[in-house]
């Protein structure tokens, strides 16, 4: 596993600490991992919505649904 060092603003640190206090995650790593997972899921949803729009516009739908499902998991 790789470790990444990222500078965060005071408000971001405060948000992370609040999430831990609220019991939404056990530690800072959990908050960051959950945020990244949600971001990946949102990206997958946006990709699907874009594909649906393109299909309605008569554009060819391209992509591999198996790859998209990997992003959602």
N, C-alpha and C. Protein backbone atom coordinates (compact mmCIF):
# COMPACT_ATOMS: atom_id res chain seq x y z
N UNK A 1 0.85 -1.17 0.00
CA UNK A 1 0.00 0.00 0.00
C UNK A 1 0.90 1.24 0.00
N UNK A 2 0.49 2.25 -0.73
CA UNK A 2 1.26 3.48 -0.84
C UNK A 2 0.70 4.55 0.09
N UNK A 3 1.58 5.34 0.67
CA UNK A 3 1.19 6.46 1.51
C UNK A 3 1.38 7.75 0.73
N UNK A 4 0.38 8.62 0.79
CA UNK A 4 0.44 9.90 0.10
C UNK A 4 0.29 11.01 1.13
N UNK A 5 1.17 11.99 1.06
CA UNK A 5 1.09 13.14 1.95
C UNK A 5 0.41 14.28 1.19
N UNK A 6 -0.67 14.80 1.76
CA UNK A 6 -1.44 15.85 1.09
C UNK A 6 -1.68 17.00 2.06
N UNK A 7 -1.30 18.23 1.67
CA UNK A 7 -1.59 19.38 2.52
C UNK A 7 -3.10 19.64 2.53
N UNK A 8 -3.66 19.88 3.70
CA UNK A 8 -5.09 20.15 3.83
C UNK A 8 -5.30 21.48 4.54
N UNK A 9 -6.37 22.15 4.15
CA UNK A 9 -6.71 23.42 4.79
C UNK A 9 -7.23 23.15 6.20
N UNK A 10 -7.21 24.15 7.06
CA UNK A 10 -7.75 23.98 8.41
C UNK A 10 -9.22 23.54 8.40
N UNK A 11 -9.99 24.04 7.45
CA UNK A 11 -11.41 23.65 7.40
C UNK A 11 -11.57 22.18 7.01
N UNK A 12 -10.68 21.68 6.17
CA UNK A 12 -10.74 20.26 5.81
C UNK A 12 -10.37 19.39 7.00
N UNK A 13 -9.35 19.80 7.74
CA UNK A 13 -8.94 19.06 8.95
C UNK A 13 -10.09 19.06 9.96
N UNK A 14 -10.74 20.20 10.10
CA UNK A 14 -11.87 20.31 11.03
C UNK A 14 -12.99 19.38 10.60
N UNK A 15 -13.26 19.31 9.31
CA UNK A 15 -14.32 18.43 8.80
C UNK A 15 -13.97 16.97 9.09
N UNK A 16 -12.74 16.59 8.84
CA UNK A 16 -12.30 15.21 9.09
C UNK A 16 -12.47 14.86 10.57
N UNK A 17 -12.03 15.75 11.43
CA UNK A 17 -12.15 15.51 12.87
C UNK A 17 -13.61 15.43 13.30
N UNK A 18 -14.45 16.24 12.69
CA UNK A 18 -15.89 16.20 12.99
C UNK A 18 -16.50 14.86 12.59
N UNK A 19 -16.08 14.34 11.45
CA UNK A 19 -16.60 13.04 11.00
C UNK A 19 -16.24 11.94 11.97
N UNK A 20 -15.03 12.02 12.52
CA UNK A 20 -14.60 11.03 13.50
C UNK A 20 -15.41 11.17 14.79
N UNK A 21 -15.58 12.41 15.26
CA UNK A 21 -16.36 12.65 16.48
C UNK A 21 -17.79 12.18 16.35
N UNK A 22 -18.36 12.34 15.15
CA UNK A 22 -19.74 11.91 14.89
C UNK A 22 -19.86 10.40 14.73
N UNK A 23 -18.72 9.73 14.66
CA UNK A 23 -18.73 8.27 14.53
C UNK A 23 -18.90 7.79 13.10
N UNK A 24 -18.75 8.68 12.14
CA UNK A 24 -18.90 8.27 10.74
C UNK A 24 -17.70 7.47 10.26
N UNK A 25 -16.57 7.65 10.91
CA UNK A 25 -15.36 6.87 10.63
C UNK A 25 -14.55 6.78 11.90
N UNK A 26 -13.68 5.78 11.96
CA UNK A 26 -12.88 5.55 13.17
C UNK A 26 -11.65 6.45 13.24
N UNK A 27 -11.14 6.85 12.05
CA UNK A 27 -9.91 7.64 12.03
C UNK A 27 -9.84 8.47 10.75
N UNK A 28 -8.76 9.25 10.63
CA UNK A 28 -8.58 10.13 9.47
C UNK A 28 -8.50 9.34 8.17
N UNK A 29 -7.82 8.22 8.22
CA UNK A 29 -7.69 7.39 7.02
C UNK A 29 -9.05 6.94 6.53
N UNK A 30 -9.91 6.55 7.46
CA UNK A 30 -11.26 6.10 7.09
C UNK A 30 -12.06 7.20 6.40
N UNK A 31 -11.94 8.42 6.90
CA UNK A 31 -12.66 9.55 6.30
C UNK A 31 -12.17 9.76 4.87
N UNK A 32 -10.87 9.77 4.67
CA UNK A 32 -10.30 10.00 3.34
C UNK A 32 -10.66 8.87 2.39
N UNK A 33 -10.57 7.64 2.85
CA UNK A 33 -10.92 6.50 1.99
C UNK A 33 -12.40 6.55 1.59
N UNK A 34 -13.26 6.89 2.56
CA UNK A 34 -14.69 6.98 2.25
C UNK A 34 -14.95 8.09 1.24
N UNK A 35 -14.26 9.21 1.40
CA UNK A 35 -14.43 10.33 0.47
C UNK A 35 -14.00 9.93 -0.94
N UNK A 36 -12.90 9.23 -1.05
CA UNK A 36 -12.42 8.79 -2.37
C UNK A 36 -13.37 7.77 -3.00
N UNK A 37 -13.91 6.88 -2.18
CA UNK A 37 -14.87 5.90 -2.69
C UNK A 37 -16.12 6.60 -3.21
N UNK A 38 -16.62 7.57 -2.45
CA UNK A 38 -17.80 8.32 -2.90
C UNK A 38 -17.52 9.10 -4.17
N UNK A 39 -16.33 9.66 -4.28
CA UNK A 39 -15.94 10.38 -5.49
C UNK A 39 -15.92 9.44 -6.70
N UNK A 40 -15.37 8.24 -6.52
CA UNK A 40 -15.33 7.25 -7.60
C UNK A 40 -16.74 6.83 -8.01
N UNK A 41 -17.63 6.64 -7.03
CA UNK A 41 -19.01 6.27 -7.32
C UNK A 41 -19.72 7.39 -8.08
N UNK A 42 -19.50 8.63 -7.65
CA UNK A 42 -20.12 9.78 -8.32
C UNK A 42 -19.63 9.88 -9.76
N UNK A 43 -18.34 9.63 -9.98
CA UNK A 43 -17.79 9.66 -11.33
C UNK A 43 -18.46 8.60 -12.20
N UNK A 44 -18.65 7.41 -11.65
CA UNK A 44 -19.30 6.33 -12.39
C UNK A 44 -20.73 6.70 -12.76
N UNK A 45 -21.46 7.29 -11.83
CA UNK A 45 -22.83 7.74 -12.10
C UNK A 45 -22.84 8.80 -13.19
N UNK A 46 -21.93 9.76 -13.10
CA UNK A 46 -21.85 10.81 -14.13
C UNK A 46 -21.53 10.22 -15.50
N UNK A 47 -20.68 9.22 -15.53
CA UNK A 47 -20.37 8.55 -16.80
C UNK A 47 -21.61 7.89 -17.40
N UNK A 48 -22.40 7.26 -16.55
CA UNK A 48 -23.63 6.62 -17.02
C UNK A 48 -24.61 7.66 -17.54
N UNK A 49 -24.78 8.75 -16.80
CA UNK A 49 -25.71 9.81 -17.23
C UNK A 49 -25.25 10.42 -18.56
N UNK A 50 -23.96 10.61 -18.69
CA UNK A 50 -23.43 11.15 -19.95
C UNK A 50 -23.72 10.19 -21.09
N UNK A 51 -23.52 8.90 -20.87
CA UNK A 51 -23.78 7.90 -21.90
C UNK A 51 -25.26 7.88 -22.29
N UNK A 52 -26.13 8.01 -21.29
CA UNK A 52 -27.57 8.05 -21.58
C UNK A 52 -27.92 9.26 -22.43
N UNK A 53 -27.34 10.43 -22.11
CA UNK A 53 -27.59 11.63 -22.91
C UNK A 53 -27.10 11.44 -24.34
N UNK A 54 -25.92 10.88 -24.48
CA UNK A 54 -25.37 10.65 -25.81
C UNK A 54 -26.23 9.68 -26.61
N UNK A 55 -26.74 8.67 -25.94
CA UNK A 55 -27.61 7.70 -26.60
C UNK A 55 -28.88 8.38 -27.10
N UNK A 56 -29.48 9.23 -26.26
CA UNK A 56 -30.68 9.96 -26.66
C UNK A 56 -30.41 10.90 -27.83
N UNK A 57 -29.19 11.42 -27.88
CA UNK A 57 -28.80 12.33 -28.96
C UNK A 57 -28.42 11.56 -30.22
N UNK A 58 -28.50 10.25 -30.18
CA UNK A 58 -28.17 9.44 -31.34
C UNK A 58 -26.69 9.13 -31.48
N UNK A 59 -25.92 9.46 -30.48
CA UNK A 59 -24.49 9.16 -30.53
C UNK A 59 -24.28 7.70 -30.15
N UNK A 60 -23.19 7.16 -30.61
CA UNK A 60 -22.89 5.76 -30.33
C UNK A 60 -22.40 5.63 -28.89
N UNK A 61 -22.96 4.69 -28.19
CA UNK A 61 -22.56 4.41 -26.81
C UNK A 61 -21.32 3.53 -26.83
N UNK A 62 -20.25 4.01 -26.21
CA UNK A 62 -19.00 3.27 -26.19
C UNK A 62 -18.58 3.01 -24.76
N UNK A 63 -17.97 1.88 -24.57
CA UNK A 63 -17.46 1.56 -23.24
C UNK A 63 -17.73 0.13 -22.87
N UNK A 64 -17.10 -0.31 -21.85
CA UNK A 64 -17.22 -1.68 -21.37
C UNK A 64 -17.93 -1.64 -20.01
N UNK A 65 -19.12 -2.22 -19.95
CA UNK A 65 -19.89 -2.20 -18.71
C UNK A 65 -19.16 -2.91 -17.57
N UNK A 66 -18.36 -3.91 -17.90
CA UNK A 66 -17.59 -4.60 -16.84
C UNK A 66 -16.59 -3.65 -16.19
N UNK A 67 -15.96 -2.80 -17.01
CA UNK A 67 -15.02 -1.82 -16.47
C UNK A 67 -15.75 -0.79 -15.61
N UNK A 68 -16.92 -0.38 -16.03
CA UNK A 68 -17.71 0.58 -15.25
C UNK A 68 -18.10 -0.02 -13.91
N UNK A 69 -18.49 -1.27 -13.88
CA UNK A 69 -18.86 -1.92 -12.63
C UNK A 69 -17.67 -2.01 -11.68
N UNK A 70 -16.46 -2.15 -12.21
CA UNK A 70 -15.26 -2.18 -11.36
C UNK A 70 -15.10 -0.84 -10.64
N UNK A 71 -15.45 0.25 -11.31
CA UNK A 71 -15.34 1.57 -10.70
C UNK A 71 -16.34 1.75 -9.57
N UNK A 72 -17.51 1.15 -9.70
CA UNK A 72 -18.57 1.28 -8.70
C UNK A 72 -18.23 0.48 -7.45
N UNK A 73 -17.60 -0.67 -7.61
CA UNK A 73 -17.30 -1.54 -6.46
C UNK A 73 -16.34 -0.92 -5.56
